[in-house]
N, C-alpha and C. Protein backbone atom coordinates (compact mmCIF):
# COMPACT_ATOMS: atom_id res chain seq x y z
N MET A 1 -26.99 -17.62 20.85
CA MET A 1 -28.08 -17.94 19.53
C MET A 1 -28.57 -16.98 18.63
N ALA A 2 -28.19 -15.92 19.44
CA ALA A 2 -28.78 -14.43 18.13
C ALA A 2 -28.13 -14.20 16.94
N ARG A 3 -26.39 -14.62 17.23
CA ARG A 3 -25.46 -14.16 16.63
C ARG A 3 -25.23 -14.73 15.17
N PRO A 4 -25.74 -16.31 15.15
CA PRO A 4 -25.53 -17.29 13.95
C PRO A 4 -26.92 -16.47 13.00
N VAL A 5 -27.93 -15.93 13.88
CA VAL A 5 -29.39 -15.71 13.32
C VAL A 5 -29.12 -14.71 12.61
N ALA A 6 -27.69 -13.66 13.44
CA ALA A 6 -27.58 -12.12 12.51
C ALA A 6 -26.57 -12.59 11.45
N ASN A 7 -26.25 -13.62 11.32
CA ASN A 7 -25.02 -13.42 10.40
C ASN A 7 -25.63 -14.47 8.94
N GLN A 8 -26.74 -15.19 9.37
CA GLN A 8 -27.46 -15.68 8.44
C GLN A 8 -28.32 -14.84 7.79
N ARG A 9 -28.62 -13.50 8.81
CA ARG A 9 -29.59 -12.93 7.95
C ARG A 9 -28.56 -11.61 7.09
N ALA A 10 -27.28 -11.68 7.29
CA ALA A 10 -26.09 -10.01 6.89
C ALA A 10 -25.96 -11.22 5.56
N LEU A 11 -26.32 -12.94 5.55
CA LEU A 11 -25.56 -13.40 4.36
C LEU A 11 -27.01 -13.67 3.52
N ALA A 12 -27.87 -13.09 3.93
CA ALA A 12 -29.24 -13.57 2.93
C ALA A 12 -29.48 -12.56 2.28
N ALA A 13 -28.89 -11.20 2.98
CA ALA A 13 -28.81 -9.94 2.25
C ALA A 13 -28.23 -9.71 1.52
N LYS A 14 -27.15 -10.33 1.32
CA LYS A 14 -25.73 -9.97 -0.06
C LYS A 14 -26.20 -10.80 -0.72
N GLN A 15 -26.22 -11.99 -0.27
CA GLN A 15 -26.85 -13.02 -1.49
C GLN A 15 -28.20 -12.49 -2.29
N ALA A 16 -29.07 -11.54 -1.73
CA ALA A 16 -29.88 -11.36 -2.69
C ALA A 16 -29.82 -9.83 -3.14
N ASN A 17 -28.60 -8.70 -2.44
CA ASN A 17 -28.24 -7.74 -2.96
C ASN A 17 -27.93 -8.35 -4.53
N ALA A 18 -26.81 -9.33 -4.17
CA ALA A 18 -25.65 -10.20 -5.67
C ALA A 18 -26.63 -10.05 -6.39
N ARG A 19 -27.74 -10.88 -6.42
CA ARG A 19 -29.18 -11.33 -7.42
C ARG A 19 -28.70 -10.15 -8.16
N ARG A 20 -30.03 -8.58 -7.57
CA ARG A 20 -30.00 -7.65 -7.70
C ARG A 20 -29.01 -7.43 -8.30
N LEU A 21 -28.33 -6.66 -8.15
CA LEU A 21 -27.16 -6.56 -9.06
C LEU A 21 -26.80 -6.94 -10.07
N LYS A 22 -26.92 -8.36 -10.68
CA LYS A 22 -26.39 -9.17 -11.42
C LYS A 22 -26.50 -8.93 -12.77
N GLY A 23 -27.46 -8.78 -13.23
CA GLY A 23 -27.77 -8.31 -14.81
C GLY A 23 -27.03 -6.95 -15.10
N ARG A 24 -27.23 -6.23 -13.66
CA ARG A 24 -26.84 -4.91 -14.36
C ARG A 24 -25.11 -4.10 -14.60
N PRO A 25 -25.10 -3.65 -15.83
CA PRO A 25 -23.51 -3.24 -15.85
C PRO A 25 -22.96 -2.59 -15.18
N PRO A 26 -21.45 -2.41 -14.76
CA PRO A 26 -20.75 -1.45 -13.83
C PRO A 26 -21.16 -0.47 -13.64
N LYS A 27 -20.89 0.38 -13.06
CA LYS A 27 -21.51 1.43 -13.18
C LYS A 27 -20.00 2.05 -13.57
N GLY A 28 -20.49 3.48 -14.60
CA GLY A 28 -18.43 4.25 -15.49
C GLY A 28 -18.27 5.04 -14.94
N ARG A 29 -17.49 5.29 -14.07
CA ARG A 29 -16.64 6.13 -13.29
C ARG A 29 -15.72 6.72 -14.08
N GLY A 30 -15.68 6.43 -14.92
CA GLY A 30 -14.01 7.26 -15.63
C GLY A 30 -14.76 7.34 -16.70
N SER A 31 -15.52 7.81 -17.13
CA SER A 31 -16.07 8.53 -18.35
C SER A 31 -16.34 9.81 -18.24
N MET A 32 -16.51 10.13 -17.65
CA MET A 32 -15.78 12.03 -17.15
C MET A 32 -14.78 12.54 -17.29
N GLY A 33 -14.14 11.56 -16.53
CA GLY A 33 -12.70 11.65 -16.52
C GLY A 33 -11.99 11.92 -18.08
N LEU A 34 -12.43 10.90 -18.81
CA LEU A 34 -12.08 10.05 -19.97
C LEU A 34 -12.23 11.82 -20.59
N VAL A 35 -13.58 12.42 -20.51
CA VAL A 35 -14.35 13.21 -21.58
C VAL A 35 -12.93 14.46 -21.32
N VAL A 36 -13.07 14.51 -20.00
CA VAL A 36 -11.75 15.87 -19.32
C VAL A 36 -10.77 15.97 -20.38
N GLY A 37 -9.82 14.58 -20.19
CA GLY A 37 -8.68 14.49 -20.85
C GLY A 37 -8.89 14.26 -22.33
N THR A 38 -9.39 14.22 -23.06
CA THR A 38 -9.75 14.12 -24.54
C THR A 38 -9.53 15.43 -24.46
N LEU A 39 -10.48 16.16 -24.22
CA LEU A 39 -10.65 17.82 -24.61
C LEU A 39 -9.36 18.21 -24.18
N SER A 40 -8.55 18.18 -23.47
CA SER A 40 -7.63 18.64 -22.65
C SER A 40 -6.53 18.14 -23.96
N LEU A 41 -6.55 17.29 -23.60
CA LEU A 41 -5.48 16.84 -25.13
C LEU A 41 -5.47 17.44 -26.53
N VAL A 42 -6.82 18.05 -26.66
CA VAL A 42 -7.46 18.15 -27.87
C VAL A 42 -6.70 19.77 -28.12
N LEU A 43 -7.08 20.14 -27.51
CA LEU A 43 -6.68 21.78 -26.37
C LEU A 43 -5.32 22.15 -26.55
N LEU A 44 -4.49 20.65 -25.69
CA LEU A 44 -3.14 20.98 -25.90
C LEU A 44 -2.95 21.10 -27.18
N ALA A 45 -2.88 20.23 -27.79
CA ALA A 45 -2.27 19.80 -29.03
C ALA A 45 -2.56 21.02 -30.48
N GLY A 46 -3.66 21.64 -30.21
CA GLY A 46 -4.13 22.67 -31.01
C GLY A 46 -3.22 24.13 -30.59
N PHE A 47 -2.61 24.68 -28.95
CA PHE A 47 -1.84 25.56 -28.94
C PHE A 47 -0.43 24.91 -28.60
N ALA A 48 0.15 23.91 -28.30
CA ALA A 48 1.30 23.32 -27.57
C ALA A 48 1.58 21.71 -28.23
N LEU A 49 1.74 21.73 -28.92
CA LEU A 49 1.81 20.61 -30.21
C LEU A 49 3.69 19.30 -29.62
N PRO A 50 3.92 20.47 -29.54
CA PRO A 50 5.63 19.25 -28.51
C PRO A 50 5.44 19.03 -27.41
N THR A 51 4.40 19.59 -27.06
CA THR A 51 4.16 19.61 -25.20
C THR A 51 3.57 18.16 -25.14
N CYS A 52 1.83 18.12 -25.75
CA CYS A 52 1.63 16.90 -26.21
C CYS A 52 2.12 15.60 -26.91
N VAL A 53 2.71 15.99 -27.51
CA VAL A 53 3.22 14.91 -27.94
C VAL A 53 4.26 14.00 -26.95
N LEU A 54 4.76 14.95 -26.06
CA LEU A 54 6.12 14.20 -25.53
C LEU A 54 4.85 14.07 -24.13
N PHE A 55 4.21 14.14 -23.91
CA PHE A 55 3.34 14.03 -22.23
C PHE A 55 2.46 12.96 -22.64
N VAL A 56 2.10 12.67 -24.26
CA VAL A 56 1.07 11.27 -24.68
C VAL A 56 2.56 10.56 -24.61
N ALA A 57 3.57 10.46 -25.73
CA ALA A 57 4.78 9.40 -25.17
C ALA A 57 5.36 8.99 -23.92
N GLY A 58 5.48 10.17 -23.27
CA GLY A 58 5.92 9.83 -22.18
C GLY A 58 4.88 8.95 -20.87
N MET A 59 3.90 9.53 -20.91
CA MET A 59 3.32 9.18 -20.10
C MET A 59 2.25 7.65 -20.43
N LEU A 60 2.42 6.99 -21.43
CA LEU A 60 2.29 5.46 -22.27
C LEU A 60 2.42 4.27 -21.15
N PRO A 61 3.15 4.14 -20.36
CA PRO A 61 2.80 3.12 -18.71
C PRO A 61 1.62 4.14 -17.99
N SER A 62 2.17 5.11 -17.44
CA SER A 62 0.37 5.21 -16.73
C SER A 62 -0.74 4.90 -17.64
N GLY A 63 -0.75 5.37 -18.77
CA GLY A 63 -2.67 4.53 -19.87
C GLY A 63 -2.28 3.21 -19.40
N VAL A 64 -1.12 1.84 -19.64
CA VAL A 64 -1.08 0.84 -19.55
C VAL A 64 -1.36 0.76 -18.02
N ALA A 65 -1.18 1.31 -17.08
CA ALA A 65 -1.06 0.76 -15.76
C ALA A 65 -2.79 1.35 -15.42
N MET A 66 -3.40 2.62 -16.48
CA MET A 66 -4.67 2.45 -16.14
C MET A 66 -6.26 1.26 -16.63
N VAL A 67 -4.96 0.72 -17.54
CA VAL A 67 -5.86 -0.31 -17.81
C VAL A 67 -6.14 -1.12 -17.55
N VAL A 68 -4.64 -2.22 -16.59
CA VAL A 68 -4.46 -2.93 -15.97
C VAL A 68 -4.70 -3.21 -15.00
N ASP A 69 -4.85 -1.68 -14.49
CA ASP A 69 -5.65 -1.87 -12.57
C ASP A 69 -7.17 -2.11 -12.32
N ARG A 70 -7.46 -2.95 -12.28
CA ARG A 70 -9.22 -3.34 -11.86
C ARG A 70 -9.75 -3.05 -10.76
N HIS A 71 -8.87 -2.59 -9.96
CA HIS A 71 -9.01 -1.95 -8.70
C HIS A 71 -10.06 -0.85 -8.85
N PRO A 72 -11.21 -0.78 -7.96
CA PRO A 72 -12.29 0.48 -8.33
C PRO A 72 -11.48 1.87 -8.50
N ARG A 73 -10.40 1.57 -7.04
CA ARG A 73 -9.92 2.87 -7.06
C ARG A 73 -8.37 3.29 -7.38
N LYS A 74 -8.08 2.36 -7.90
CA LYS A 74 -6.88 2.66 -9.04
C LYS A 74 -5.52 2.87 -8.53
N PHE A 75 -5.64 2.51 -7.50
CA PHE A 75 -4.59 2.21 -6.71
C PHE A 75 -3.04 1.90 -6.93
N LEU A 76 -2.90 1.14 -8.25
CA LEU A 76 -1.87 0.80 -9.16
C LEU A 76 -1.28 2.12 -10.23
N ALA A 77 -2.11 2.30 -10.53
CA ALA A 77 -2.59 3.87 -11.58
C ALA A 77 -2.13 5.50 -11.48
N ILE A 78 -2.56 5.15 -10.24
CA ILE A 78 -2.11 6.29 -9.29
C ILE A 78 -0.51 6.65 -8.97
N SER A 79 0.07 5.60 -8.28
CA SER A 79 1.52 5.33 -8.24
C SER A 79 2.36 5.42 -8.89
N VAL A 80 1.53 4.79 -9.99
CA VAL A 80 2.84 4.82 -11.62
C VAL A 80 2.39 5.73 -12.44
N SER A 81 1.09 6.28 -12.58
CA SER A 81 1.29 8.04 -12.75
C SER A 81 2.00 9.39 -12.11
N ILE A 82 2.17 8.91 -11.02
CA ILE A 82 2.30 10.43 -10.39
C ILE A 82 4.13 10.18 -10.50
N MET A 83 4.49 9.07 -10.56
CA MET A 83 6.13 8.64 -10.46
C MET A 83 6.71 9.16 -11.70
N ASN A 84 5.41 8.52 -12.65
CA ASN A 84 5.90 8.36 -14.65
C ASN A 84 5.93 10.39 -14.49
N LEU A 85 4.68 10.82 -13.89
CA LEU A 85 5.04 12.09 -14.53
C LEU A 85 6.26 12.82 -14.10
N ALA A 86 6.83 12.33 -12.67
CA ALA A 86 7.72 12.59 -12.07
C ALA A 86 9.38 12.50 -12.80
N GLY A 87 9.11 11.68 -13.70
CA GLY A 87 9.70 11.24 -14.97
C GLY A 87 9.44 11.72 -16.21
N VAL A 88 8.40 12.39 -16.92
CA VAL A 88 8.44 13.24 -17.80
C VAL A 88 8.74 15.16 -17.35
N LEU A 89 8.48 15.22 -16.57
CA LEU A 89 8.72 16.78 -16.11
C LEU A 89 9.70 17.24 -16.27
N PRO A 90 11.10 17.34 -15.62
CA PRO A 90 12.28 17.44 -15.93
C PRO A 90 12.62 17.31 -18.28
N VAL A 91 11.78 16.96 -17.90
CA VAL A 91 12.54 16.68 -20.19
C VAL A 91 11.06 18.09 -20.78
N ALA A 92 9.97 17.25 -20.33
CA ALA A 92 9.22 18.98 -20.51
C ALA A 92 9.86 20.43 -19.89
N ILE A 93 10.21 20.60 -18.98
CA ILE A 93 11.07 21.65 -18.89
C ILE A 93 12.31 21.55 -19.46
N LYS A 94 12.97 20.56 -19.72
CA LYS A 94 14.23 21.09 -20.79
C LYS A 94 13.95 21.82 -22.38
N LEU A 95 12.00 20.85 -22.85
CA LEU A 95 11.32 21.65 -23.78
C LEU A 95 11.02 23.06 -24.24
N TRP A 96 10.50 22.88 -22.77
CA TRP A 96 9.69 24.03 -22.71
C TRP A 96 10.79 25.30 -22.48
N THR A 97 12.40 25.20 -22.00
CA THR A 97 13.58 26.10 -21.62
C THR A 97 14.65 26.46 -23.56
N GLY A 98 14.30 25.03 -24.00
CA GLY A 98 15.38 25.13 -25.21
C GLY A 98 14.29 25.37 -25.97
N VAL A 99 14.30 24.42 -27.29
CA VAL A 99 14.01 24.45 -28.81
C VAL A 99 12.64 23.91 -28.88
N ASN A 100 11.28 24.84 -28.38
CA ASN A 100 10.36 24.17 -27.97
C ASN A 100 8.90 24.29 -29.29
N THR A 101 9.82 23.36 -30.15
CA THR A 101 9.42 22.86 -31.55
C THR A 101 8.51 21.54 -31.93
N MET A 102 8.76 20.80 -33.06
CA MET A 102 8.52 19.31 -33.40
C MET A 102 10.28 19.31 -33.29
N VAL A 103 10.56 19.78 -34.47
CA VAL A 103 12.50 19.54 -34.38
C VAL A 103 13.04 19.27 -32.51
N GLY A 104 12.58 20.29 -32.10
CA GLY A 104 13.41 20.08 -30.73
C GLY A 104 12.99 19.03 -29.94
N LEU A 105 11.73 18.51 -30.18
CA LEU A 105 11.22 17.29 -29.39
C LEU A 105 11.49 16.17 -29.98
N THR A 106 11.65 16.42 -31.20
CA THR A 106 12.63 15.09 -32.18
C THR A 106 14.21 14.77 -31.29
N ALA A 107 14.79 15.89 -31.04
CA ALA A 107 15.94 15.85 -31.17
C ALA A 107 15.74 15.50 -29.32
N LEU A 108 14.55 15.67 -28.22
CA LEU A 108 15.44 15.10 -27.28
C LEU A 108 14.57 13.65 -26.70
N LEU A 109 12.76 13.07 -27.79
CA LEU A 109 13.04 11.68 -27.55
C LEU A 109 14.25 10.70 -28.53
N ALA A 110 15.53 11.67 -29.01
CA ALA A 110 16.33 10.68 -29.78
C ALA A 110 16.67 9.53 -28.49
N ASN A 111 17.21 10.61 -27.77
CA ASN A 111 17.89 10.72 -26.33
C ASN A 111 17.22 9.47 -25.59
N VAL A 112 18.16 8.16 -25.51
CA VAL A 112 18.32 6.85 -25.03
C VAL A 112 17.75 6.99 -23.80
N PHE A 113 18.47 8.36 -22.79
CA PHE A 113 18.06 8.35 -21.81
C PHE A 113 16.61 9.48 -21.12
N VAL A 114 16.62 9.95 -22.25
CA VAL A 114 15.12 10.35 -21.73
C VAL A 114 13.89 9.06 -21.81
N TRP A 115 13.94 8.05 -22.50
CA TRP A 115 13.22 7.52 -22.08
C TRP A 115 13.10 6.31 -21.29
N LEU A 116 14.76 6.59 -21.06
CA LEU A 116 14.76 5.47 -19.29
C LEU A 116 13.98 6.28 -18.40
N ALA A 117 14.02 7.77 -18.26
CA ALA A 117 13.30 8.67 -17.39
C ALA A 117 11.85 7.94 -17.41
N PHE A 118 11.94 8.01 -18.46
CA PHE A 118 10.29 7.78 -18.55
C PHE A 118 9.53 6.53 -17.72
N TYR A 119 10.38 5.74 -18.80
CA TYR A 119 9.90 4.01 -18.23
C TYR A 119 10.23 4.22 -16.86
N GLY A 120 11.98 4.02 -16.48
CA GLY A 120 11.80 3.90 -15.05
C GLY A 120 11.82 4.31 -14.06
N ALA A 121 11.07 5.96 -14.24
CA ALA A 121 10.24 6.20 -13.37
C ALA A 121 9.19 5.85 -13.28
N ALA A 122 8.48 5.36 -14.02
CA ALA A 122 7.24 4.63 -14.01
C ALA A 122 7.43 3.18 -13.59
N GLY A 123 8.12 2.65 -13.51
CA GLY A 123 8.56 1.59 -13.22
C GLY A 123 8.70 1.43 -11.31
N VAL A 124 9.70 2.28 -10.75
CA VAL A 124 9.73 2.97 -9.33
C VAL A 124 8.37 2.73 -9.05
N GLY A 125 7.11 2.72 -9.81
CA GLY A 125 5.72 4.00 -8.84
C GLY A 125 5.21 1.61 -9.08
N TRP A 126 5.52 1.16 -10.10
CA TRP A 126 5.10 -0.13 -9.90
C TRP A 126 5.51 -1.04 -8.71
N LEU A 127 6.70 -0.53 -9.05
CA LEU A 127 8.06 -1.72 -7.74
C LEU A 127 7.17 -0.49 -6.48
N LEU A 128 6.83 0.56 -5.94
CA LEU A 128 6.66 1.09 -4.99
C LEU A 128 4.62 0.29 -4.44
N HIS A 129 3.82 -0.06 -5.51
CA HIS A 129 2.63 -0.39 -5.75
C HIS A 129 2.49 -1.72 -4.86
N PHE A 130 4.01 -2.70 -5.45
CA PHE A 130 3.18 -3.72 -5.06
C PHE A 130 5.06 -4.16 -3.87
N GLY A 131 5.55 -3.11 -4.09
CA GLY A 131 6.71 -3.69 -2.77
C GLY A 131 6.26 -2.88 -1.58
N MET A 132 5.20 -2.10 -1.55
CA MET A 132 5.19 -1.30 0.05
C MET A 132 4.40 -2.33 1.00
N PRO A 133 3.65 -2.80 0.50
CA PRO A 133 2.24 -3.55 1.17
C PRO A 133 3.50 -4.79 1.82
N ILE A 134 4.47 -4.82 1.27
CA ILE A 134 5.73 -6.50 2.06
C ILE A 134 6.46 -5.38 3.02
N ILE A 135 6.61 -4.26 2.85
CA ILE A 135 7.88 -3.70 3.84
C ILE A 135 7.03 -3.41 4.91
N ALA A 136 5.35 -2.95 4.48
CA ALA A 136 4.52 -2.75 5.92
C ALA A 136 4.77 -3.83 6.98
N THR A 137 4.04 -4.67 6.18
CA THR A 137 3.76 -6.21 7.11
C THR A 137 5.90 -6.03 7.81
N ALA A 138 6.25 -6.03 6.84
CA ALA A 138 7.24 -6.69 7.32
C ALA A 138 7.76 -5.63 8.72
N VAL A 139 7.80 -4.13 8.54
CA VAL A 139 7.27 -3.19 10.03
C VAL A 139 6.54 -3.56 10.63
N LEU A 140 5.33 -3.61 10.53
CA LEU A 140 4.69 -4.44 11.16
C LEU A 140 4.52 -5.51 12.83
N LYS A 141 5.16 -6.58 11.41
CA LYS A 141 5.37 -7.62 12.51
C LYS A 141 6.75 -7.83 13.50
N LYS A 142 7.88 -6.53 13.07
CA LYS A 142 8.31 -6.40 14.09
C LYS A 142 8.27 -5.62 14.97
N SER A 143 7.11 -4.30 14.90
CA SER A 143 6.67 -4.04 15.45
C SER A 143 5.65 -4.25 17.05
N LEU A 144 4.87 -5.24 16.40
CA LEU A 144 4.47 -6.90 17.15
C LEU A 144 4.89 -7.34 18.05
N ALA A 145 6.33 -7.93 17.42
CA ALA A 145 6.94 -8.57 18.28
C ALA A 145 7.40 -7.73 19.43
N ASN A 146 7.84 -7.20 19.18
CA ASN A 146 8.68 -5.62 19.99
C ASN A 146 7.70 -5.87 20.83
N ARG A 147 6.45 -5.28 21.08
CA ARG A 147 5.67 -4.91 21.52
C ARG A 147 5.18 -6.09 22.54
N ARG A 148 4.60 -7.14 22.20
CA ARG A 148 4.46 -8.55 22.70
C ARG A 148 5.42 -9.27 23.61
N LYS A 149 6.87 -8.68 23.58
CA LYS A 149 7.87 -8.66 24.32
C LYS A 149 7.96 -7.70 25.43
N ALA A 150 7.83 -6.52 25.01
CA ALA A 150 7.52 -5.65 26.09
C ALA A 150 6.51 -6.00 27.03
N LEU A 151 5.23 -6.07 26.82
CA LEU A 151 4.07 -6.55 27.26
C LEU A 151 4.37 -7.78 28.23
N GLY A 152 5.13 -9.23 27.72
CA GLY A 152 5.72 -10.27 28.44
C GLY A 152 6.54 -9.79 29.64
N THR A 153 7.46 -8.99 29.06
CA THR A 153 8.23 -8.40 30.76
C THR A 153 7.61 -7.86 31.70
N PHE A 154 6.44 -6.86 31.20
CA PHE A 154 5.43 -6.19 32.36
C PHE A 154 4.98 -7.04 33.02
N GLN A 155 4.07 -8.26 32.28
CA GLN A 155 3.68 -9.04 32.97
C GLN A 155 4.38 -9.92 33.80
N GLN A 156 5.53 -10.32 33.77
CA GLN A 156 6.70 -10.85 34.24
C GLN A 156 6.96 -10.10 36.04
N LYS A 157 6.86 -9.06 35.51
CA LYS A 157 7.21 -8.03 36.58
C LYS A 157 5.78 -8.20 37.58
N LEU A 158 4.41 -7.62 37.41
CA LEU A 158 3.25 -8.28 37.83
C LEU A 158 3.38 -9.18 38.85
N VAL A 159 3.62 -10.32 37.78
CA VAL A 159 3.53 -11.79 38.77
C VAL A 159 4.38 -11.54 40.11
N GLU A 160 5.63 -10.89 39.79
CA GLU A 160 6.92 -10.78 40.62
C GLU A 160 6.23 -10.14 42.10
N GLU A 161 5.51 -9.15 41.92
CA GLU A 161 5.38 -8.35 42.81
C GLU A 161 3.55 -8.59 43.03
N TRP A 162 2.65 -8.86 42.47
CA TRP A 162 1.53 -9.59 43.46
C TRP A 162 1.29 -11.20 43.18
N GLY A 163 2.24 -12.20 42.69
CA GLY A 163 2.01 -12.96 42.69
C GLY A 163 1.22 -13.98 41.65
N GLU A 164 1.13 -15.22 41.63
CA GLU A 164 0.79 -16.40 40.29
C GLU A 164 -0.69 -16.56 40.71
N GLU A 165 -1.25 -15.61 41.48
CA GLU A 165 -3.31 -15.47 41.59
C GLU A 165 -3.27 -14.39 40.57
N VAL A 166 -2.72 -13.69 40.20
CA VAL A 166 -3.11 -12.13 38.82
C VAL A 166 -3.44 -12.97 37.82
N MET A 167 -2.58 -14.43 37.27
CA MET A 167 -2.39 -14.59 35.92
C MET A 167 -3.98 -15.33 35.47
N MET A 168 -4.22 -15.88 34.33
CA MET A 168 -5.11 -16.21 33.96
C MET A 168 -4.63 -17.54 33.89
N PRO A 169 -6.23 -18.62 34.32
CA PRO A 169 -5.72 -19.86 34.14
C PRO A 169 -5.53 -20.49 33.32
N GLY A 170 -4.23 -21.40 33.12
CA GLY A 170 -4.22 -22.09 31.93
C GLY A 170 -2.20 -20.77 31.11
N GLU A 171 -2.30 -19.65 31.49
CA GLU A 171 -1.15 -18.62 30.99
C GLU A 171 -0.06 -19.12 31.84
N GLU A 172 0.77 -19.22 31.12
CA GLU A 172 2.33 -18.74 31.83
C GLU A 172 3.92 -18.20 31.40
């Protein structure tokens, strides 16, 4: 009987905590990151304007993922941002090794395949975020089925060796 009482106590504690936190605004986790990001963007714009414009234009899908992702640890934003960065970096390297001016940037951004690289890589990040749990579930189900089959075979060998009395009641 101790277990239901413990569960009731835990539930009461959760409800009391929820009532206590109800009127509070959520903790601001991203304010420092926003300040650092804005400061970095301003400094980058002052020293390397074409690169700054390229990253602002190319990393727009990451900004959208940051806004859309409601999870506190921002898993969607992380996966989209990493893949988006992988799509922007080759273009940035092409800008840095070529004509690193606004004219050179305009020539790069006029190419539709550059935009395809930006948004296609971000799209792969979205697919990874939403597709990996499905793939992991399928792999785990198959692994568990194989394990169950192996244990069933092992159980049959034990029954053959030791007899039916090693089986639990109700097992067949």
